[in-house]
Structures are given as structure tokens and as C-alpha cells.
Amino acid sequence: MKKNMGSADRMIRIIIAVIIGILYFTGYISGTLAIVLAVIGGIFLLTGFVNFCPLYVPFGITTLKSKKDK
């Protein structure tokens, strides 16, 4: 897996996952919505930590700044 996520993209995903977790554990979301958001939050957390989003690959998207852009 080649990294394709920049630091801003990673932080946004991790923050969203944490917010979803807080909403779930405080009881603001429940039922089917909670399950769907928990799955999305888990995916965001995983992709945020590994710096790779599989959905970016088919579209050729990368938010990672290359060394020549610096």
C-alpha cells in the first residue's frame, strides 16, 4: 500500500471517528444509525492511521503532498 493521504485528511478522518464514538457512547445516536455511523467511524479511524484510502486509488486521488511540492 502506497500512502495517499495527507496530514489534514488524516486528522479530519480521526476527528470525525472520535466524534462518532463520543455520540454513540453518550447515547445521542442509537439503533441502525449508530451501527452505520460506527462502521463509517471505524473505517475512518483505520484509514487515518494507515495513511491509505482504497477509494482514492481507482480515481487517482491523493492528498499527500509530494516532496517536489514543498
PDB file of N, CA and C in Angstrom:
ATOM      1  N   MET A   1       0.845  -1.181   0.000  1.00  0.00           N
ATOM      2  CA  MET A   1       0.000   0.000   0.000  1.00  0.00           C
ATOM      3  C   MET A   1       0.888   1.240   0.000  1.00  0.00           C
ATOM      4  N   LYS A   2       0.646   2.060  -0.957  1.00  0.00           N
ATOM      5  CA  LYS A   2       1.364   3.323  -1.034  1.00  0.00           C
ATOM      6  C   LYS A   2       0.513   4.398  -0.372  1.00  0.00           C
ATOM      7  N   LYS A   3       1.131   5.217   0.451  1.00  0.00           N
ATOM      8  CA  LYS A   3       0.393   6.269   1.145  1.00  0.00           C
ATOM      9  C   LYS A   3      -0.250   7.217   0.136  1.00  0.00           C
ATOM     10  N   ASN A   4      -1.504   7.609   0.413  1.00  0.00           N
ATOM     11  CA  ASN A   4      -2.183   8.551  -0.477  1.00  0.00           C
ATOM     12  C   ASN A   4      -3.017   9.580   0.301  1.00  0.00           C
ATOM     13  N   MET A   5      -2.725   9.726   1.600  1.00  0.00           N
ATOM     14  CA  MET A   5      -3.470  10.680   2.421  1.00  0.00           C
ATOM     15  C   MET A   5      -2.517  11.649   3.098  1.00  0.00           C
ATOM     16  N   GLY A   6      -2.845  12.924   3.005  1.00  0.00           N
ATOM     17  CA  GLY A   6      -2.066  13.955   3.660  1.00  0.00           C
ATOM     18  C   GLY A   6      -2.451  14.094   5.125  1.00  0.00           C
ATOM     19  N   SER A   7      -1.719  14.931   5.830  1.00  0.00           N
ATOM     20  CA  SER A   7      -1.949  15.071   7.276  1.00  0.00           C
ATOM     21  C   SER A   7      -3.301  15.705   7.591  1.00  0.00           C
ATOM     22  N   ALA A   8      -3.741  16.667   6.795  1.00  0.00           N
ATOM     23  CA  ALA A   8      -5.049  17.295   7.050  1.00  0.00           C
ATOM     24  C   ALA A   8      -6.175  16.283   6.860  1.00  0.00           C
ATOM     25  N   ASP A   9      -6.088  15.478   5.810  1.00  0.00           N
ATOM     26  CA  ASP A   9      -7.087  14.448   5.536  1.00  0.00           C
ATOM     27  C   ASP A   9      -7.132  13.433   6.681  1.00  0.00           C
ATOM     28  N   ARG A  10      -5.961  13.024   7.163  1.00  0.00           N
ATOM     29  CA  ARG A  10      -5.878  12.078   8.268  1.00  0.00           C
ATOM     30  C   ARG A  10      -6.530  12.640   9.524  1.00  0.00           C
ATOM     31  N   MET A  11      -6.195  13.867   9.870  1.00  0.00           N
ATOM     32  CA  MET A  11      -6.730  14.461  11.100  1.00  0.00           C
ATOM     33  C   MET A  11      -8.246  14.627  11.032  1.00  0.00           C
ATOM     34  N   ILE A  12      -8.759  15.029   9.890  1.00  0.00           N
ATOM     35  CA  ILE A  12     -10.208  15.183   9.725  1.00  0.00           C
ATOM     36  C   ILE A  12     -10.903  13.842   9.933  1.00  0.00           C
ATOM     37  N   ARG A  13     -10.365  12.780   9.341  1.00  0.00           N
ATOM     38  CA  ARG A  13     -10.964  11.450   9.487  1.00  0.00           C
ATOM     39  C   ARG A  13     -10.936  10.977  10.936  1.00  0.00           C
ATOM     40  N   ILE A  14      -9.816  11.185  11.608  1.00  0.00           N
ATOM     41  CA  ILE A  14      -9.693  10.744  13.000  1.00  0.00           C
ATOM     42  C   ILE A  14     -10.635  11.541  13.903  1.00  0.00           C
ATOM     43  N   ILE A  15     -10.737  12.840  13.677  1.00  0.00           N
ATOM     44  CA  ILE A  15     -11.639  13.680  14.477  1.00  0.00           C
ATOM     45  C   ILE A  15     -13.087  13.261  14.278  1.00  0.00           C
ATOM     46  N   ILE A  16     -13.481  12.991  13.033  1.00  0.00           N
ATOM     47  CA  ILE A  16     -14.849  12.542  12.755  1.00  0.00           C
ATOM     48  C   ILE A  16     -15.122  11.215  13.458  1.00  0.00           C
ATOM     49  N   ALA A  17     -14.157  10.286  13.421  1.00  0.00           N
ATOM     50  CA  ALA A  17     -14.331   8.991  14.080  1.00  0.00           C
ATOM     51  C   ALA A  17     -14.483   9.165  15.588  1.00  0.00           C
ATOM     52  N   VAL A  18     -13.712  10.057  16.182  1.00  0.00           N
ATOM     53  CA  VAL A  18     -13.806  10.299  17.624  1.00  0.00           C
ATOM     54  C   VAL A  18     -15.167  10.910  17.970  1.00  0.00           C
ATOM     55  N   ILE A  19     -15.626  11.852  17.165  1.00  0.00           N
ATOM     56  CA  ILE A  19     -16.935  12.471  17.403  1.00  0.00           C
ATOM     57  C   ILE A  19     -18.043  11.427  17.323  1.00  0.00           C
ATOM     58  N   ILE A  20     -17.983  10.545  16.336  1.00  0.00           N
ATOM     59  CA  ILE A  20     -18.986   9.482  16.213  1.00  0.00           C
ATOM     60  C   ILE A  20     -18.945   8.584  17.448  1.00  0.00           C
ATOM     61  N   GLY A  21     -17.749   8.241  17.917  1.00  0.00           N
ATOM     62  CA  GLY A  21     -17.613   7.419  19.114  1.00  0.00           C
ATOM     63  C   GLY A  21     -18.212   8.087  20.339  1.00  0.00           C
ATOM     64  N   ILE A  22     -17.945   9.378  20.494  1.00  0.00           N
ATOM     65  CA  ILE A  22     -18.500  10.121  21.628  1.00  0.00           C
ATOM     66  C   ILE A  22     -20.021  10.156  21.557  1.00  0.00           C
ATOM     67  N   LEU A  23     -20.572  10.416  20.383  1.00  0.00           N
ATOM     68  CA  LEU A  23     -22.025  10.445  20.228  1.00  0.00           C
ATOM     69  C   LEU A  23     -22.648   9.095  20.550  1.00  0.00           C
ATOM     70  N   TYR A  24     -21.980   8.021  20.149  1.00  0.00           N
ATOM     71  CA  TYR A  24     -22.502   6.690  20.415  1.00  0.00           C
ATOM     72  C   TYR A  24     -22.471   6.376  21.911  1.00  0.00           C
ATOM     73  N   PHE A  25     -21.330   6.587  22.537  1.00  0.00           N
ATOM     74  CA  PHE A  25     -21.184   6.199  23.944  1.00  0.00           C
ATOM     75  C   PHE A  25     -21.940   7.115  24.905  1.00  0.00           C
ATOM     76  N   THR A  26     -22.311   8.317  24.467  1.00  0.00           N
ATOM     77  CA  THR A  26     -23.127   9.177  25.323  1.00  0.00           C
ATOM     78  C   THR A  26     -24.619   8.980  25.067  1.00  0.00           C
ATOM     79  N   GLY A  27     -24.969   8.181  24.078  1.00  0.00           N
ATOM     80  CA  GLY A  27     -26.358   7.851  23.832  1.00  0.00           C
ATOM     81  C   GLY A  27     -27.105   8.803  22.908  1.00  0.00           C
ATOM     82  N   TYR A  28     -26.393   9.697  22.245  1.00  0.00           N
ATOM     83  CA  TYR A  28     -27.068  10.626  21.331  1.00  0.00           C
ATOM     84  C   TYR A  28     -27.512   9.941  20.043  1.00  0.00           C
ATOM     85  N   ILE A  29     -26.816   8.883  19.656  1.00  0.00           N
ATOM     86  CA  ILE A  29     -27.238   8.113  18.490  1.00  0.00           C
ATOM     87  C   ILE A  29     -27.430   6.667  18.923  1.00  0.00           C
ATOM     88  N   SER A  30     -28.410   6.005  18.323  1.00  0.00           N
ATOM     89  CA  SER A  30     -28.672   4.614  18.663  1.00  0.00           C
ATOM     90  C   SER A  30     -29.338   3.926  17.482  1.00  0.00           C
ATOM     91  N   GLY A  31     -29.501   2.635  17.598  1.00  0.00           N
ATOM     92  CA  GLY A  31     -30.178   1.858  16.567  1.00  0.00           C
ATOM     93  C   GLY A  31     -29.349   1.682  15.318  1.00  0.00           C
ATOM     94  N   THR A  32     -30.050   1.624  14.201  1.00  0.00           N
ATOM     95  CA  THR A  32     -29.410   1.393  12.913  1.00  0.00           C
ATOM     96  C   THR A  32     -28.451   2.521  12.562  1.00  0.00           C
ATOM     97  N   LEU A  33     -28.831   3.743  12.855  1.00  0.00           N
ATOM     98  CA  LEU A  33     -27.954   4.883  12.576  1.00  0.00           C
ATOM     99  C   LEU A  33     -26.638   4.737  13.321  1.00  0.00           C
ATOM    100  N   ALA A  34     -26.683   4.305  14.551  1.00  0.00           N
ATOM    101  CA  ALA A  34     -25.469   4.131  15.345  1.00  0.00           C
ATOM    102  C   ALA A  34     -24.568   3.060  14.744  1.00  0.00           C
ATOM    103  N   ILE A  35     -25.154   1.983  14.256  1.00  0.00           N
ATOM    104  CA  ILE A  35     -24.368   0.909  13.649  1.00  0.00           C
ATOM    105  C   ILE A  35     -23.696   1.389  12.375  1.00  0.00           C
ATOM    106  N   VAL A  36     -24.452   2.069  11.527  1.00  0.00           N
ATOM    107  CA  VAL A  36     -23.903   2.576  10.269  1.00  0.00           C
ATOM    108  C   VAL A  36     -22.787   3.583  10.548  1.00  0.00           C
ATOM    109  N   LEU A  37     -23.025   4.515  11.465  1.00  0.00           N
ATOM    110  CA  LEU A  37     -22.001   5.508  11.786  1.00  0.00           C
ATOM    111  C   LEU A  37     -20.792   4.879  12.467  1.00  0.00           C
ATOM    112  N   ALA A  38     -20.998   3.834  13.259  1.00  0.00           N
ATOM    113  CA  ALA A  38     -19.876   3.147  13.897  1.00  0.00           C
ATOM    114  C   ALA A  38     -18.990   2.474  12.855  1.00  0.00           C
ATOM    115  N   VAL A  39     -19.593   1.877  11.848  1.00  0.00           N
ATOM    116  CA  VAL A  39     -18.817   1.258  10.771  1.00  0.00           C
ATOM    117  C   VAL A  39     -18.032   2.328  10.010  1.00  0.00           C
ATOM    118  N   ILE A  40     -18.689   3.426   9.675  1.00  0.00           N
ATOM    119  CA  ILE A  40     -18.014   4.519   8.978  1.00  0.00           C
ATOM    120  C   ILE A  40     -16.886   5.092   9.840  1.00  0.00           C
ATOM    121  N   GLY A  41     -17.155   5.273  11.120  1.00  0.00           N
ATOM    122  CA  GLY A  41     -16.135   5.782  12.032  1.00  0.00           C
ATOM    123  C   GLY A  41     -14.946   4.839  12.135  1.00  0.00           C
ATOM    124  N   GLY A  42     -15.211   3.541  12.176  1.00  0.00           N
ATOM    125  CA  GLY A  42     -14.133   2.552  12.212  1.00  0.00           C
ATOM    126  C   GLY A  42     -13.280   2.592  10.963  1.00  0.00           C
ATOM    127  N   ILE A  43     -13.936   2.722   9.822  1.00  0.00           N
ATOM    128  CA  ILE A  43     -13.206   2.823   8.559  1.00  0.00           C
ATOM    129  C   ILE A  43     -12.371   4.100   8.536  1.00  0.00           C
ATOM    130  N   PHE A  44     -12.952   5.208   8.964  1.00  0.00           N
ATOM    131  CA  PHE A  44     -12.209   6.472   9.009  1.00  0.00           C
ATOM    132  C   PHE A  44     -11.000   6.361   9.933  1.00  0.00           C
ATOM    133  N   LEU A  45     -11.184   5.732  11.080  1.00  0.00           N
ATOM    134  CA  LEU A  45     -10.091   5.582  12.034  1.00  0.00           C
ATOM    135  C   LEU A  45      -8.979   4.708  11.446  1.00  0.00           C
ATOM    136  N   LEU A  46      -9.349   3.597  10.848  1.00  0.00           N
ATOM    137  CA  LEU A  46      -8.368   2.699  10.249  1.00  0.00           C
ATOM    138  C   LEU A  46      -7.603   3.380   9.118  1.00  0.00           C
ATOM    139  N   THR A  47      -8.322   4.011   8.199  1.00  0.00           N
ATOM    140  CA  THR A  47      -7.650   4.668   7.076  1.00  0.00           C
ATOM    141  C   THR A  47      -6.825   5.857   7.535  1.00  0.00           C
ATOM    142  N   GLY A  48      -7.254   6.505   8.595  1.00  0.00           N
ATOM    143  CA  GLY A  48      -6.491   7.630   9.125  1.00  0.00           C
ATOM    144  C   GLY A  48      -5.154   7.194   9.704  1.00  0.00           C
ATOM    145  N   PHE A  49      -5.141   6.033  10.340  1.00  0.00           N
ATOM    146  CA  PHE A  49      -3.899   5.555  10.948  1.00  0.00           C
ATOM    147  C   PHE A  49      -2.948   4.901   9.951  1.00  0.00           C
ATOM    148  N   VAL A  50      -3.465   4.311   8.891  1.00  0.00           N
ATOM    149  CA  VAL A  50      -2.577   3.651   7.923  1.00  0.00           C
ATOM    150  C   VAL A  50      -2.210   4.555   6.745  1.00  0.00           C
ATOM    151  N   ASN A  51      -2.748   5.753   6.693  1.00  0.00           N
ATOM    152  CA  ASN A  51      -2.444   6.731   5.623  1.00  0.00           C
ATOM    153  C   ASN A  51      -2.819   6.245   4.233  1.00  0.00           C
ATOM    154  N   PHE A  52      -3.822   5.406   4.139  1.00  0.00           N
ATOM    155  CA  PHE A  52      -4.203   4.855   2.834  1.00  0.00           C
ATOM    156  C   PHE A  52      -5.711   4.747   2.743  1.00  0.00           C
ATOM    157  N   CYS A  53      -6.278   5.310   1.684  1.00  0.00           N
ATOM    158  CA  CYS A  53      -7.710   5.189   1.427  1.00  0.00           C
ATOM    159  C   CYS A  53      -7.898   4.417   0.125  1.00  0.00           C
ATOM    160  N   PRO A  54      -8.480   3.208   0.197  1.00  0.00           N
ATOM    161  CA  PRO A  54      -8.643   2.414  -1.013  1.00  0.00           C
ATOM    162  C   PRO A  54      -9.569   3.052  -2.050  1.00  0.00           C
ATOM    163  N   LEU A  55     -10.478   3.916  -1.634  1.00  0.00           N
ATOM    164  CA  LEU A  55     -11.365   4.571  -2.598  1.00  0.00           C
ATOM    165  C   LEU A  55     -10.640   5.619  -3.434  1.00  0.00           C
ATOM    166  N   TYR A  56      -9.509   6.110  -2.972  1.00  0.00           N
ATOM    167  CA  TYR A  56      -8.743   7.094  -3.734  1.00  0.00           C
ATOM    168  C   TYR A  56      -8.039   6.461  -4.930  1.00  0.00           C
ATOM    169  N   VAL A  57      -7.703   5.177  -4.845  1.00  0.00           N
ATOM    170  CA  VAL A  57      -6.892   4.514  -5.868  1.00  0.00           C
ATOM    171  C   VAL A  57      -7.559   4.502  -7.241  1.00  0.00           C
ATOM    172  N   PRO A  58      -8.815   4.039  -7.382  1.00  0.00           N
ATOM    173  CA  PRO A  58      -9.400   3.984  -8.733  1.00  0.00           C
ATOM    174  C   PRO A  58      -9.564   5.357  -9.387  1.00  0.00           C
ATOM    175  N   PHE A  59      -9.660   6.390  -8.571  1.00  0.00           N
ATOM    176  CA  PHE A  59      -9.852   7.728  -9.110  1.00  0.00           C
ATOM    177  C   PHE A  59      -8.541   8.497  -9.237  1.00  0.00           C
ATOM    178  N   GLY A  60      -7.454   7.908  -8.762  1.00  0.00           N
ATOM    179  CA  GLY A  60      -6.148   8.559  -8.847  1.00  0.00           C
ATOM    180  C   GLY A  60      -6.013   9.766  -7.935  1.00  0.00           C
ATOM    181  N   ILE A  61      -6.747   9.778  -6.842  1.00  0.00           N
ATOM    182  CA  ILE A  61      -6.721  10.905  -5.914  1.00  0.00           C
ATOM    183  C   ILE A  61      -5.631  10.690  -4.880  1.00  0.00           C
ATOM    184  N   THR A  62      -4.937  11.752  -4.529  1.00  0.00           N
ATOM    185  CA  THR A  62      -4.007  11.727  -3.418  1.00  0.00           C
ATOM    186  C   THR A  62      -4.032  13.098  -2.753  1.00  0.00           C
ATOM    187  N   THR A  63      -4.046  13.096  -1.435  1.00  0.00           N
ATOM    188  CA  THR A  63      -3.983  14.359  -0.708  1.00  0.00           C
ATOM    189  C   THR A  63      -2.611  14.519  -0.068  1.00  0.00           C
ATOM    190  N   LEU A  64      -1.735  13.585  -0.371  1.00  0.00           N
ATOM    191  CA  LEU A  64      -0.379  13.608   0.149  1.00  0.00           C
ATOM    192  C   LEU A  64       0.460  14.547  -0.702  1.00  0.00           C
ATOM    193  N   LYS A  65       1.122  15.480  -0.054  1.00  0.00           N
ATOM    194  CA  LYS A  65       1.978  16.407  -0.790  1.00  0.00           C
ATOM    195  C   LYS A  65       3.279  15.696  -1.134  1.00  0.00           C
ATOM    196  N   SER A  66       3.667  15.834  -2.393  1.00  0.00           N
ATOM    197  CA  SER A  66       4.920  15.215  -2.796  1.00  0.00           C
ATOM    198  C   SER A  66       6.097  16.092  -2.360  1.00  0.00           C
ATOM    199  N   LYS A  67       7.287  15.529  -2.354  1.00  0.00           N
ATOM    200  CA  LYS A  67       8.459  16.273  -1.907  1.00  0.00           C
ATOM    201  C   LYS A  67       8.776  17.447  -2.834  1.00  0.00           C
ATOM    202  N   LYS A  68       8.419  17.327  -4.105  1.00  0.00           N
ATOM    203  CA  LYS A  68       8.697  18.419  -5.031  1.00  0.00           C
ATOM    204  C   LYS A  68       7.721  19.585  -4.861  1.00  0.00           C
ATOM    205  N   ASP A  69       6.569  19.357  -4.164  1.00  0.00           N
ATOM    206  CA  ASP A  69       5.622  20.449  -3.901  1.00  0.00           C
ATOM    207  C   ASP A  69       6.083  21.334  -2.756  1.00  0.00           C
ATOM    208  N   LYS A  70       7.026  20.867  -1.956  1.00  0.00           N
ATOM    209  CA  LYS A  70       7.471  21.627  -0.786  1.00  0.00           C
ATOM    210  C   LYS A  70       8.454  22.688  -1.140  1.00  0.00           C
TER     211      LYS A  70
END
